[in-house]
C-alpha cells in the first residue's frame, strides 16, 4: 500500500530489497507502448502505437507473433480461455487466438 499502510506513515515492516534489478530483455516496436501488458503462461501480450498487437516469449522477449490493426493499440489486453482481447483506435474490439495470433472475431 502507498506509504506503508492506511495511515500513510511511510513505515514498512518488510525488509528492503538489497539488490538492484537487472534488465532481462527489451522489445523494440515502431511506436510507443502505452498500456500495461497481459501475461499468461510463457507469453506476454501488448499493443503498440505502430498499430500492431504483439505476443512475445516471457523469458526471452522473442516475438512469437504479431497482428496488424488499422489504428494504434493503447488498450491493456485481457487473456481468457486461450483468447486475447484488446481494442484498437480503428474502432474495433478484437479476439485473437492467444497461441498463434489468428483473428477469431
N, C-alpha and C. Protein backbone atom coordinates (compact mmCIF):
# COMPACT_ATOMS: atom_id res chain seq x y z
N UNK A 1 0.84 -1.17 0.00
CA UNK A 1 0.00 0.00 0.00
C UNK A 1 0.89 1.24 0.00
N UNK A 2 0.39 2.29 -0.60
CA UNK A 2 1.14 3.54 -0.69
C UNK A 2 1.54 4.03 0.69
N UNK A 3 2.79 4.39 0.83
CA UNK A 3 3.36 4.93 2.06
C UNK A 3 3.25 3.98 3.24
N UNK A 4 3.24 2.68 2.98
CA UNK A 4 3.37 1.70 4.05
C UNK A 4 2.12 1.28 4.76
N UNK A 5 0.97 1.80 4.43
CA UNK A 5 -0.26 1.37 5.08
C UNK A 5 -1.32 2.44 5.05
N UNK A 6 -2.48 2.16 5.64
CA UNK A 6 -3.60 3.11 5.59
C UNK A 6 -3.30 4.43 6.29
N UNK A 7 -2.37 4.42 7.26
CA UNK A 7 -2.04 5.67 7.95
C UNK A 7 -1.04 6.51 7.17
N UNK A 8 -0.49 5.96 6.08
CA UNK A 8 0.46 6.66 5.20
C UNK A 8 1.67 7.22 5.95
N UNK A 9 2.19 6.41 6.87
CA UNK A 9 3.35 6.85 7.66
C UNK A 9 4.66 6.69 6.91
N UNK A 10 4.67 5.86 5.88
CA UNK A 10 5.92 5.60 5.17
C UNK A 10 6.76 4.54 5.84
N UNK A 11 6.27 3.94 6.90
CA UNK A 11 7.00 2.90 7.61
C UNK A 11 6.59 1.54 7.08
N UNK A 12 7.59 0.75 6.66
CA UNK A 12 7.34 -0.58 6.12
C UNK A 12 7.88 -1.62 7.10
N UNK A 13 7.14 -2.68 7.29
CA UNK A 13 7.57 -3.74 8.20
C UNK A 13 8.36 -4.82 7.47
N UNK A 14 8.38 -4.79 6.16
CA UNK A 14 9.13 -5.78 5.38
C UNK A 14 10.55 -5.30 5.16
N UNK A 15 11.43 -6.23 4.84
CA UNK A 15 12.82 -5.89 4.58
C UNK A 15 12.96 -5.25 3.19
N UNK A 16 13.92 -4.37 3.08
CA UNK A 16 14.19 -3.70 1.81
C UNK A 16 14.85 -4.67 0.83
N UNK A 17 14.70 -4.39 -0.44
CA UNK A 17 15.38 -5.16 -1.47
C UNK A 17 16.84 -4.75 -1.47
N UNK A 18 17.75 -5.71 -1.37
CA UNK A 18 19.17 -5.40 -1.26
C UNK A 18 19.95 -5.67 -2.54
N UNK A 19 19.25 -5.83 -3.62
CA UNK A 19 19.95 -5.99 -4.89
C UNK A 19 19.25 -5.13 -5.93
N UNK A 20 20.01 -4.73 -6.90
CA UNK A 20 19.45 -3.91 -7.97
C UNK A 20 18.78 -4.80 -9.00
N UNK A 21 17.61 -4.40 -9.47
CA UNK A 21 17.00 -5.17 -10.54
C UNK A 21 17.87 -5.07 -11.80
N UNK A 22 17.79 -6.07 -12.66
CA UNK A 22 18.56 -6.03 -13.89
C UNK A 22 17.64 -6.27 -15.07
N UNK A 23 17.97 -5.69 -16.18
CA UNK A 23 17.20 -5.84 -17.40
C UNK A 23 17.37 -7.25 -17.94
N UNK A 24 16.27 -7.95 -18.17
CA UNK A 24 16.32 -9.30 -18.72
C UNK A 24 16.25 -9.28 -20.24
N UNK A 25 15.42 -8.42 -20.80
CA UNK A 25 15.29 -8.27 -22.23
C UNK A 25 14.50 -7.01 -22.54
N UNK A 26 14.54 -6.59 -23.78
CA UNK A 26 13.71 -5.48 -24.25
C UNK A 26 13.14 -5.86 -25.60
N UNK A 27 12.09 -5.16 -26.01
CA UNK A 27 11.40 -5.48 -27.25
C UNK A 27 11.16 -4.17 -28.00
N UNK A 28 11.65 -4.06 -29.20
CA UNK A 28 11.54 -2.84 -30.00
C UNK A 28 10.31 -2.88 -30.89
N UNK A 29 9.48 -1.84 -30.80
CA UNK A 29 8.36 -1.66 -31.72
C UNK A 29 8.59 -0.35 -32.46
N UNK A 30 7.79 -0.11 -33.47
CA UNK A 30 7.89 1.14 -34.22
C UNK A 30 6.89 2.18 -33.72
N UNK A 31 6.51 2.09 -32.47
CA UNK A 31 5.60 3.03 -31.85
C UNK A 31 5.70 2.91 -30.34
N UNK A 32 5.05 3.82 -29.65
CA UNK A 32 5.07 3.78 -28.19
C UNK A 32 4.21 2.64 -27.65
N UNK A 33 4.67 2.05 -26.57
CA UNK A 33 3.87 1.08 -25.83
C UNK A 33 3.34 1.83 -24.61
N UNK A 34 2.03 2.08 -24.59
CA UNK A 34 1.44 2.94 -23.56
C UNK A 34 0.59 2.20 -22.54
N UNK A 35 0.33 0.94 -22.75
CA UNK A 35 -0.56 0.23 -21.84
C UNK A 35 0.19 -0.83 -21.06
N UNK A 36 -0.48 -1.37 -20.07
CA UNK A 36 0.07 -2.49 -19.31
C UNK A 36 -0.06 -3.76 -20.13
N UNK A 37 0.91 -4.65 -20.06
CA UNK A 37 0.80 -5.91 -20.79
C UNK A 37 -0.06 -6.91 -20.01
N UNK A 38 -0.42 -7.99 -20.69
CA UNK A 38 -1.07 -9.13 -20.04
C UNK A 38 -0.12 -10.31 -20.14
N UNK A 39 -0.09 -11.12 -19.10
CA UNK A 39 0.79 -12.28 -19.07
C UNK A 39 -0.05 -13.52 -18.80
N UNK A 40 0.19 -14.54 -19.61
CA UNK A 40 -0.43 -15.84 -19.37
C UNK A 40 0.57 -16.91 -19.78
N UNK A 41 0.82 -17.83 -18.87
CA UNK A 41 1.77 -18.90 -19.16
C UNK A 41 3.14 -18.33 -19.47
N UNK A 42 3.68 -18.70 -20.61
CA UNK A 42 5.01 -18.26 -21.03
C UNK A 42 4.97 -17.11 -22.02
N UNK A 43 3.82 -16.42 -22.11
CA UNK A 43 3.66 -15.34 -23.09
C UNK A 43 3.31 -14.02 -22.43
N UNK A 44 3.76 -12.94 -23.07
CA UNK A 44 3.39 -11.59 -22.68
C UNK A 44 2.75 -10.93 -23.90
N UNK A 45 1.65 -10.22 -23.70
CA UNK A 45 0.86 -9.63 -24.78
C UNK A 45 0.77 -8.13 -24.57
N UNK A 46 0.94 -7.37 -25.66
CA UNK A 46 0.88 -5.90 -25.56
C UNK A 46 0.67 -5.29 -26.94
N UNK A 47 0.13 -4.09 -26.95
CA UNK A 47 -0.09 -3.36 -28.18
C UNK A 47 0.90 -2.22 -28.31
N UNK A 48 0.93 -1.62 -29.50
CA UNK A 48 1.89 -0.56 -29.79
C UNK A 48 1.26 0.53 -30.65
N UNK A 49 1.88 1.68 -30.61
CA UNK A 49 1.47 2.80 -31.45
C UNK A 49 1.72 2.55 -32.93
N UNK A 50 2.42 1.48 -33.27
CA UNK A 50 2.64 1.14 -34.68
C UNK A 50 1.44 0.39 -35.27
N UNK A 51 0.37 0.22 -34.48
CA UNK A 51 -0.83 -0.45 -34.96
C UNK A 51 -0.78 -1.95 -34.85
N UNK A 52 0.28 -2.48 -34.25
CA UNK A 52 0.40 -3.93 -34.12
C UNK A 52 0.14 -4.35 -32.67
N UNK A 53 -0.37 -5.57 -32.54
CA UNK A 53 -0.54 -6.21 -31.26
C UNK A 53 0.43 -7.39 -31.24
N UNK A 54 1.21 -7.52 -30.17
CA UNK A 54 2.31 -8.48 -30.12
C UNK A 54 2.12 -9.54 -29.04
N UNK A 55 2.70 -10.71 -29.32
CA UNK A 55 2.91 -11.76 -28.31
C UNK A 55 4.39 -12.06 -28.33
N UNK A 56 4.99 -12.11 -27.14
CA UNK A 56 6.41 -12.42 -27.03
C UNK A 56 6.62 -13.47 -25.95
N UNK A 57 7.74 -14.15 -26.04
CA UNK A 57 8.12 -15.13 -25.04
C UNK A 57 8.48 -14.40 -23.75
N UNK A 58 7.89 -14.79 -22.66
CA UNK A 58 8.07 -14.10 -21.39
C UNK A 58 9.52 -14.17 -20.89
N UNK A 59 10.21 -15.26 -21.14
CA UNK A 59 11.57 -15.42 -20.64
C UNK A 59 12.62 -14.75 -21.52
N UNK A 60 12.42 -14.79 -22.85
CA UNK A 60 13.45 -14.29 -23.76
C UNK A 60 13.12 -12.96 -24.42
N UNK A 61 11.83 -12.62 -24.47
CA UNK A 61 11.41 -11.42 -25.18
C UNK A 61 11.32 -11.59 -26.68
N UNK A 62 11.55 -12.79 -27.18
CA UNK A 62 11.48 -13.05 -28.62
C UNK A 62 10.03 -13.03 -29.09
N UNK A 63 9.80 -12.34 -30.21
CA UNK A 63 8.44 -12.26 -30.75
C UNK A 63 7.93 -13.63 -31.14
N UNK A 64 6.68 -13.92 -30.72
CA UNK A 64 6.00 -15.16 -31.12
C UNK A 64 5.15 -14.89 -32.35
N UNK A 65 4.42 -13.79 -32.33
CA UNK A 65 3.59 -13.38 -33.44
C UNK A 65 3.17 -11.93 -33.26
N UNK A 66 2.65 -11.33 -34.33
CA UNK A 66 2.02 -10.00 -34.22
C UNK A 66 0.80 -9.97 -35.12
N UNK A 67 -0.11 -9.06 -34.80
CA UNK A 67 -1.34 -8.88 -35.54
C UNK A 67 -1.47 -7.41 -35.88
N UNK A 68 -1.66 -7.10 -37.17
CA UNK A 68 -1.74 -5.71 -37.63
C UNK A 68 -3.18 -5.21 -37.57
N UNK A 69 -3.39 -4.05 -36.93
CA UNK A 69 -4.68 -3.38 -36.95
C UNK A 69 -4.56 -2.13 -37.82
N UNK A 70 -5.64 -1.39 -37.95
CA UNK A 70 -5.63 -0.17 -38.75
C UNK A 70 -5.57 1.09 -37.88
N UNK A 71 -5.18 0.92 -36.61
CA UNK A 71 -5.04 2.05 -35.70
C UNK A 71 -4.06 1.71 -34.60
N UNK A 72 -3.70 2.70 -33.81
CA UNK A 72 -2.78 2.44 -32.70
C UNK A 72 -3.49 1.59 -31.65
N UNK A 73 -2.71 0.82 -30.91
CA UNK A 73 -3.25 -0.04 -29.86
C UNK A 73 -2.72 0.45 -28.53
N UNK A 74 -3.60 1.09 -27.74
CA UNK A 74 -3.21 1.62 -26.44
C UNK A 74 -3.95 0.95 -25.29
N UNK A 75 -4.87 0.04 -25.60
CA UNK A 75 -5.63 -0.63 -24.54
C UNK A 75 -4.79 -1.73 -23.89
N UNK A 76 -5.04 -1.97 -22.63
CA UNK A 76 -4.42 -3.11 -21.95
C UNK A 76 -5.21 -4.36 -22.31
N UNK A 77 -4.54 -5.41 -22.73
CA UNK A 77 -5.25 -6.62 -23.15
C UNK A 77 -5.71 -7.46 -21.96
N UNK A 78 -6.62 -8.37 -22.26
CA UNK A 78 -7.11 -9.36 -21.31
C UNK A 78 -7.00 -10.73 -21.98
N UNK A 79 -6.59 -11.72 -21.22
CA UNK A 79 -6.47 -13.09 -21.74
C UNK A 79 -7.39 -14.00 -20.94
N UNK A 80 -8.22 -14.76 -21.65
CA UNK A 80 -9.12 -15.73 -21.01
C UNK A 80 -9.46 -16.81 -22.02
N UNK A 81 -9.48 -18.06 -21.55
CA UNK A 81 -9.88 -19.20 -22.38
C UNK A 81 -9.11 -19.26 -23.70
N UNK A 82 -7.80 -19.02 -23.63
CA UNK A 82 -6.92 -19.05 -24.80
C UNK A 82 -7.25 -18.02 -25.87
N UNK A 83 -7.95 -16.96 -25.47
CA UNK A 83 -8.19 -15.82 -26.35
C UNK A 83 -7.62 -14.58 -25.70
N UNK A 84 -7.09 -13.67 -26.51
CA UNK A 84 -6.59 -12.40 -26.02
C UNK A 84 -7.47 -11.31 -26.63
N UNK A 85 -7.97 -10.41 -25.78
CA UNK A 85 -8.90 -9.37 -26.18
C UNK A 85 -8.23 -8.01 -26.02
N UNK A 86 -8.46 -7.13 -26.99
CA UNK A 86 -7.93 -5.76 -26.91
C UNK A 86 -8.71 -4.88 -27.88
N UNK A 87 -8.58 -3.59 -27.72
CA UNK A 87 -9.18 -2.64 -28.65
C UNK A 87 -8.09 -1.88 -29.38
N UNK A 88 -8.48 -1.36 -30.54
CA UNK A 88 -7.59 -0.55 -31.36
C UNK A 88 -8.31 0.76 -31.66
N UNK A 89 -7.54 1.78 -31.97
CA UNK A 89 -8.15 3.05 -32.35
C UNK A 89 -8.79 2.98 -33.74
N UNK A 90 -8.78 1.81 -34.35
CA UNK A 90 -9.54 1.61 -35.59
C UNK A 90 -11.01 1.31 -35.28
N UNK A 91 -11.37 1.46 -34.00
CA UNK A 91 -12.74 1.31 -33.50
C UNK A 91 -13.21 -0.14 -33.48
N UNK A 92 -12.28 -1.07 -33.29
CA UNK A 92 -12.63 -2.48 -33.20
C UNK A 92 -12.18 -3.08 -31.89
N UNK A 93 -12.97 -4.02 -31.42
CA UNK A 93 -12.60 -4.90 -30.32
C UNK A 93 -12.22 -6.22 -30.96
N UNK A 94 -11.03 -6.71 -30.65
CA UNK A 94 -10.53 -7.93 -31.27
C UNK A 94 -10.46 -9.07 -30.27
N UNK A 95 -10.64 -10.29 -30.78
CA UNK A 95 -10.37 -11.52 -30.05
C UNK A 95 -9.44 -12.34 -30.92
N UNK A 96 -8.23 -12.60 -30.41
CA UNK A 96 -7.24 -13.37 -31.15
C UNK A 96 -6.95 -14.66 -30.43
N UNK A 97 -6.59 -15.69 -31.19
CA UNK A 97 -6.12 -16.93 -30.60
C UNK A 97 -4.80 -16.60 -29.90
N UNK A 98 -4.70 -16.87 -28.62
CA UNK A 98 -3.52 -16.49 -27.84
C UNK A 98 -2.27 -17.25 -28.25
N UNK A 99 -2.42 -18.41 -28.88
CA UNK A 99 -1.27 -19.22 -29.26
C UNK A 99 -0.66 -18.77 -30.59
N UNK A 100 -1.52 -18.51 -31.59
CA UNK A 100 -0.99 -18.23 -32.92
C UNK A 100 -1.31 -16.83 -33.45
N UNK A 101 -2.11 -16.05 -32.73
CA UNK A 101 -2.42 -14.69 -33.16
C UNK A 101 -3.46 -14.56 -34.25
N UNK A 102 -4.11 -15.65 -34.62
CA UNK A 102 -5.16 -15.59 -35.65
C UNK A 102 -6.41 -14.92 -35.12
N UNK A 103 -7.01 -14.07 -35.94
CA UNK A 103 -8.23 -13.38 -35.53
C UNK A 103 -9.38 -14.37 -35.43
N UNK A 104 -10.06 -14.37 -34.25
CA UNK A 104 -11.25 -15.18 -34.05
C UNK A 104 -12.47 -14.37 -34.44
N UNK A 105 -12.48 -13.11 -33.98
CA UNK A 105 -13.51 -12.14 -34.39
C UNK A 105 -13.03 -10.75 -34.09
